[in-house]
Amino acid sequence: MKKFCSKTRSMRRGFTLLEVLFTVVILVVLVAVGEDSGSLESMLAQVAHFYDRDVEYNTKKLTTLLEPLLTAFLSVIVGFVVVSLYLPIFSLGKAIMHQ
């Protein structure tokens, strides 16, 4: 939020949007083209679409990586529960056979 406020202050001081957002290359190029051609709104819409796709891709990739780990983790938990339930039953069977 602090970065956003500092960029807003910079724009109020007279800097253009291009000068304020120089750190992100694709954003800079599209903003420059939008400012030059007078179609800044459509260029910012394209930037938003690009970042939406990027977030979807990274989310899908992260989910794909985490799925096997979660499956293994849950398998260990289920195995522990099964062993903890059957261990007393086997111990009881051994106790009955030795009497």
N, C-alpha and C. Protein backbone atom coordinates (compact mmCIF):
# COMPACT_ATOMS: atom_id res chain seq x y z
N MET A 1 0.82 -1.18 0.00
CA MET A 1 0.00 0.00 0.00
C MET A 1 0.87 1.26 0.00
N LYS A 2 2.03 1.17 0.68
CA LYS A 2 2.92 2.33 0.73
C LYS A 2 3.46 2.65 -0.66
N LYS A 3 3.78 1.59 -1.44
CA LYS A 3 4.29 1.80 -2.79
C LYS A 3 3.24 2.49 -3.66
N PHE A 4 1.99 2.05 -3.50
CA PHE A 4 0.91 2.65 -4.28
C PHE A 4 0.75 4.12 -3.92
N CYS A 5 0.80 4.44 -2.64
CA CYS A 5 0.67 5.83 -2.21
C CYS A 5 1.82 6.68 -2.72
N SER A 6 3.03 6.13 -2.73
CA SER A 6 4.17 6.90 -3.23
C SER A 6 4.05 7.14 -4.73
N LYS A 7 3.52 6.17 -5.46
CA LYS A 7 3.32 6.35 -6.90
C LYS A 7 2.24 7.39 -7.15
N THR A 8 1.19 7.40 -6.34
CA THR A 8 0.14 8.40 -6.49
C THR A 8 0.69 9.79 -6.21
N ARG A 9 1.52 9.92 -5.17
CA ARG A 9 2.13 11.22 -4.86
C ARG A 9 3.03 11.68 -6.01
N SER A 10 3.76 10.75 -6.61
CA SER A 10 4.63 11.10 -7.73
C SER A 10 3.81 11.63 -8.90
N MET A 11 2.68 11.00 -9.16
CA MET A 11 1.83 11.47 -10.26
C MET A 11 1.27 12.85 -9.95
N ARG A 12 0.96 13.11 -8.70
CA ARG A 12 0.44 14.44 -8.32
C ARG A 12 1.51 15.51 -8.47
N ARG A 13 2.77 15.12 -8.37
CA ARG A 13 3.88 16.08 -8.52
C ARG A 13 4.15 16.42 -9.98
N GLY A 14 3.47 15.74 -10.91
CA GLY A 14 3.64 16.08 -12.31
C GLY A 14 4.27 15.01 -13.16
N PHE A 15 4.64 13.90 -12.57
CA PHE A 15 5.20 12.82 -13.37
C PHE A 15 4.09 12.14 -14.16
N THR A 16 4.43 11.60 -15.32
CA THR A 16 3.45 10.83 -16.09
C THR A 16 3.35 9.43 -15.52
N LEU A 17 2.32 8.74 -15.93
CA LEU A 17 2.12 7.36 -15.47
C LEU A 17 3.29 6.48 -15.91
N LEU A 18 3.81 6.75 -17.09
CA LEU A 18 4.96 6.00 -17.58
C LEU A 18 6.18 6.17 -16.69
N GLU A 19 6.44 7.37 -16.24
CA GLU A 19 7.60 7.63 -15.39
C GLU A 19 7.44 6.97 -14.02
N VAL A 20 6.22 6.92 -13.54
CA VAL A 20 5.97 6.34 -12.21
C VAL A 20 6.11 4.82 -12.24
N LEU A 21 5.68 4.19 -13.33
CA LEU A 21 5.65 2.72 -13.40
C LEU A 21 6.80 2.15 -14.22
N PHE A 22 7.97 2.75 -14.18
CA PHE A 22 9.09 2.32 -15.02
C PHE A 22 9.67 0.98 -14.62
N THR A 23 9.30 0.43 -13.47
CA THR A 23 9.92 -0.80 -12.99
C THR A 23 9.40 -2.05 -13.69
N VAL A 24 8.23 -2.03 -14.23
CA VAL A 24 7.66 -3.22 -14.86
C VAL A 24 7.70 -3.01 -16.37
N VAL A 25 8.49 -3.81 -17.06
CA VAL A 25 8.80 -3.57 -18.47
C VAL A 25 7.56 -3.62 -19.36
N ILE A 26 6.79 -4.68 -19.27
CA ILE A 26 5.63 -4.78 -20.16
C ILE A 26 4.62 -3.69 -19.87
N LEU A 27 4.48 -3.37 -18.61
CA LEU A 27 3.56 -2.30 -18.24
C LEU A 27 4.06 -0.97 -18.78
N VAL A 28 5.35 -0.77 -18.74
CA VAL A 28 5.94 0.48 -19.24
C VAL A 28 5.71 0.61 -20.75
N VAL A 29 5.95 -0.47 -21.47
CA VAL A 29 5.79 -0.41 -22.92
C VAL A 29 4.34 -0.15 -23.30
N LEU A 30 3.43 -0.87 -22.67
CA LEU A 30 2.02 -0.69 -23.01
C LEU A 30 1.50 0.68 -22.59
N VAL A 31 1.94 1.18 -21.45
CA VAL A 31 1.53 2.51 -21.02
C VAL A 31 2.09 3.57 -21.97
N ALA A 32 3.32 3.38 -22.41
CA ALA A 32 3.92 4.34 -23.34
C ALA A 32 3.14 4.37 -24.65
N VAL A 33 2.80 3.20 -25.17
CA VAL A 33 2.03 3.14 -26.40
C VAL A 33 0.64 3.75 -26.18
N GLY A 34 0.04 3.45 -25.04
CA GLY A 34 -1.29 4.00 -24.74
C GLY A 34 -1.27 5.51 -24.59
N GLU A 35 -0.26 6.03 -23.93
CA GLU A 35 -0.17 7.49 -23.78
C GLU A 35 0.09 8.16 -25.12
N ASP A 36 0.95 7.57 -25.94
CA ASP A 36 1.26 8.17 -27.24
C ASP A 36 0.07 8.14 -28.19
N SER A 37 -0.67 7.02 -28.17
CA SER A 37 -1.76 6.87 -29.12
C SER A 37 -3.09 7.41 -28.58
N GLY A 38 -3.15 7.75 -27.30
CA GLY A 38 -4.39 8.25 -26.72
C GLY A 38 -5.36 7.16 -26.32
N SER A 39 -4.89 5.92 -26.31
CA SER A 39 -5.76 4.80 -25.93
C SER A 39 -5.24 4.11 -24.67
N LEU A 40 -4.98 4.92 -23.66
CA LEU A 40 -4.41 4.40 -22.41
C LEU A 40 -5.35 3.41 -21.74
N GLU A 41 -6.65 3.68 -21.83
CA GLU A 41 -7.62 2.80 -21.18
C GLU A 41 -7.57 1.38 -21.75
N SER A 42 -7.52 1.25 -23.07
CA SER A 42 -7.48 -0.08 -23.67
C SER A 42 -6.15 -0.77 -23.39
N MET A 43 -5.07 -0.01 -23.35
CA MET A 43 -3.77 -0.61 -23.04
C MET A 43 -3.74 -1.11 -21.60
N LEU A 44 -4.32 -0.35 -20.67
CA LEU A 44 -4.36 -0.81 -19.28
C LEU A 44 -5.27 -2.02 -19.14
N ALA A 45 -6.31 -2.09 -19.95
CA ALA A 45 -7.16 -3.29 -19.95
C ALA A 45 -6.37 -4.50 -20.43
N GLN A 46 -5.51 -4.31 -21.43
CA GLN A 46 -4.66 -5.41 -21.89
C GLN A 46 -3.65 -5.83 -20.82
N VAL A 47 -3.11 -4.86 -20.10
CA VAL A 47 -2.18 -5.18 -19.01
C VAL A 47 -2.91 -5.98 -17.93
N ALA A 48 -4.12 -5.55 -17.59
CA ALA A 48 -4.91 -6.27 -16.58
C ALA A 48 -5.18 -7.70 -17.04
N HIS A 49 -5.51 -7.86 -18.31
CA HIS A 49 -5.76 -9.20 -18.85
C HIS A 49 -4.50 -10.05 -18.79
N PHE A 50 -3.37 -9.46 -19.14
CA PHE A 50 -2.09 -10.18 -19.08
C PHE A 50 -1.80 -10.66 -17.66
N TYR A 51 -1.96 -9.78 -16.68
CA TYR A 51 -1.67 -10.16 -15.30
C TYR A 51 -2.70 -11.15 -14.75
N ASP A 52 -3.94 -11.06 -15.20
CA ASP A 52 -4.93 -12.06 -14.81
C ASP A 52 -4.53 -13.45 -15.29
N ARG A 53 -4.09 -13.52 -16.55
CA ARG A 53 -3.63 -14.81 -17.08
C ARG A 53 -2.39 -15.30 -16.35
N ASP A 54 -1.50 -14.39 -16.00
CA ASP A 54 -0.29 -14.75 -15.29
C ASP A 54 -0.62 -15.32 -13.91
N VAL A 55 -1.54 -14.68 -13.22
CA VAL A 55 -1.95 -15.17 -11.90
C VAL A 55 -2.61 -16.54 -12.02
N GLU A 56 -3.48 -16.72 -13.02
CA GLU A 56 -4.13 -18.02 -13.22
C GLU A 56 -3.09 -19.10 -13.49
N TYR A 57 -2.11 -18.80 -14.33
CA TYR A 57 -1.07 -19.78 -14.67
C TYR A 57 -0.26 -20.15 -13.43
N ASN A 58 0.16 -19.15 -12.67
CA ASN A 58 0.97 -19.43 -11.49
C ASN A 58 0.18 -20.17 -10.42
N THR A 59 -1.10 -19.85 -10.29
CA THR A 59 -1.95 -20.56 -9.34
C THR A 59 -2.11 -22.02 -9.74
N LYS A 60 -2.31 -22.25 -11.03
CA LYS A 60 -2.46 -23.62 -11.51
C LYS A 60 -1.17 -24.41 -11.31
N LYS A 61 -0.03 -23.77 -11.58
CA LYS A 61 1.27 -24.42 -11.40
C LYS A 61 1.51 -24.76 -9.93
N LEU A 62 1.18 -23.84 -9.04
CA LEU A 62 1.36 -24.08 -7.61
C LEU A 62 0.45 -25.21 -7.13
N THR A 63 -0.79 -25.21 -7.61
CA THR A 63 -1.72 -26.27 -7.24
C THR A 63 -1.22 -27.62 -7.74
N THR A 64 -0.69 -27.65 -8.94
CA THR A 64 -0.16 -28.89 -9.50
C THR A 64 1.03 -29.40 -8.67
N LEU A 65 1.85 -28.50 -8.18
CA LEU A 65 2.99 -28.92 -7.36
C LEU A 65 2.56 -29.37 -5.96
N LEU A 66 1.56 -28.73 -5.40
CA LEU A 66 1.15 -29.05 -4.04
C LEU A 66 0.27 -30.30 -3.94
N GLU A 67 -0.42 -30.65 -5.01
CA GLU A 67 -1.34 -31.77 -4.96
C GLU A 67 -0.68 -33.08 -4.54
N PRO A 68 0.45 -33.49 -5.13
CA PRO A 68 1.08 -34.73 -4.68
C PRO A 68 1.58 -34.66 -3.23
N LEU A 69 2.06 -33.50 -2.82
CA LEU A 69 2.52 -33.37 -1.44
C LEU A 69 1.36 -33.52 -0.45
N LEU A 70 0.24 -32.90 -0.77
CA LEU A 70 -0.92 -33.03 0.11
C LEU A 70 -1.44 -34.47 0.13
N THR A 71 -1.40 -35.14 -1.01
CA THR A 71 -1.83 -36.53 -1.06
C THR A 71 -0.93 -37.40 -0.19
N ALA A 72 0.37 -37.21 -0.27
CA ALA A 72 1.29 -37.99 0.56
C ALA A 72 1.10 -37.69 2.04
N PHE A 73 0.91 -36.42 2.37
CA PHE A 73 0.70 -36.02 3.76
C PHE A 73 -0.57 -36.65 4.32
N LEU A 74 -1.65 -36.60 3.56
CA LEU A 74 -2.90 -37.21 4.02
C LEU A 74 -2.79 -38.72 4.10
N SER A 75 -2.02 -39.33 3.21
CA SER A 75 -1.81 -40.78 3.28
C SER A 75 -1.09 -41.17 4.56
N VAL A 76 -0.11 -40.40 4.96
CA VAL A 76 0.60 -40.67 6.21
C VAL A 76 -0.35 -40.54 7.40
N ILE A 77 -1.19 -39.54 7.40
CA ILE A 77 -2.14 -39.35 8.49
C ILE A 77 -3.13 -40.50 8.55
N VAL A 78 -3.67 -40.89 7.41
CA VAL A 78 -4.62 -42.01 7.38
C VAL A 78 -3.92 -43.30 7.82
N GLY A 79 -2.70 -43.53 7.36
CA GLY A 79 -1.95 -44.71 7.79
C GLY A 79 -1.73 -44.72 9.29
N PHE A 80 -1.40 -43.58 9.86
CA PHE A 80 -1.22 -43.49 11.31
C PHE A 80 -2.51 -43.82 12.05
N VAL A 81 -3.64 -43.31 11.57
CA VAL A 81 -4.93 -43.58 12.21
C VAL A 81 -5.27 -45.06 12.11
N VAL A 82 -5.03 -45.66 10.95
CA VAL A 82 -5.33 -47.09 10.78
C VAL A 82 -4.46 -47.93 11.71
N VAL A 83 -3.18 -47.64 11.77
CA VAL A 83 -2.28 -48.39 12.66
C VAL A 83 -2.69 -48.20 14.12
N SER A 84 -3.03 -46.99 14.50
CA SER A 84 -3.41 -46.75 15.90
C SER A 84 -4.72 -47.42 16.26
N LEU A 85 -5.59 -47.65 15.27
CA LEU A 85 -6.84 -48.37 15.56
C LEU A 85 -6.63 -49.88 15.62
N TYR A 86 -5.79 -50.43 14.75
CA TYR A 86 -5.60 -51.87 14.71
C TYR A 86 -4.59 -52.39 15.73
N LEU A 87 -3.67 -51.60 16.19
CA LEU A 87 -2.66 -52.05 17.13
C LEU A 87 -3.28 -52.59 18.43
N PRO A 88 -4.25 -51.91 19.03
CA PRO A 88 -4.86 -52.49 20.24
C PRO A 88 -5.59 -53.81 19.96
N ILE A 89 -6.18 -53.93 18.76
CA ILE A 89 -6.89 -55.17 18.43
C ILE A 89 -5.90 -56.33 18.32
N PHE A 90 -4.75 -56.11 17.67
CA PHE A 90 -3.74 -57.16 17.57
C PHE A 90 -3.15 -57.49 18.94
N SER A 91 -2.95 -56.49 19.76
CA SER A 91 -2.43 -56.74 21.11
C SER A 91 -3.43 -57.56 21.93
N LEU A 92 -4.69 -57.28 21.78
CA LEU A 92 -5.73 -58.04 22.47
C LEU A 92 -5.74 -59.49 21.99
N GLY A 93 -5.56 -59.71 20.70
CA GLY A 93 -5.51 -61.08 20.16
C GLY A 93 -4.33 -61.85 20.70
N LYS A 94 -3.17 -61.21 20.82
CA LYS A 94 -1.99 -61.87 21.37
C LYS A 94 -2.20 -62.19 22.84
N ALA A 95 -2.84 -61.30 23.56
CA ALA A 95 -3.08 -61.53 25.00
C ALA A 95 -4.02 -62.71 25.20
N ILE A 96 -5.02 -62.86 24.36
CA ILE A 96 -5.96 -63.97 24.47
C ILE A 96 -5.29 -65.29 24.10
N MET A 97 -4.41 -65.29 23.11
CA MET A 97 -3.74 -66.54 22.69
C MET A 97 -2.75 -67.03 23.73
N HIS A 98 -2.13 -66.14 24.52
CA HIS A 98 -1.13 -66.54 25.50
C HIS A 98 -1.75 -66.97 26.82
N GLN A 99 -3.05 -66.85 26.95
CA GLN A 99 -3.67 -67.27 28.23
C GLN A 99 -3.95 -68.72 28.27
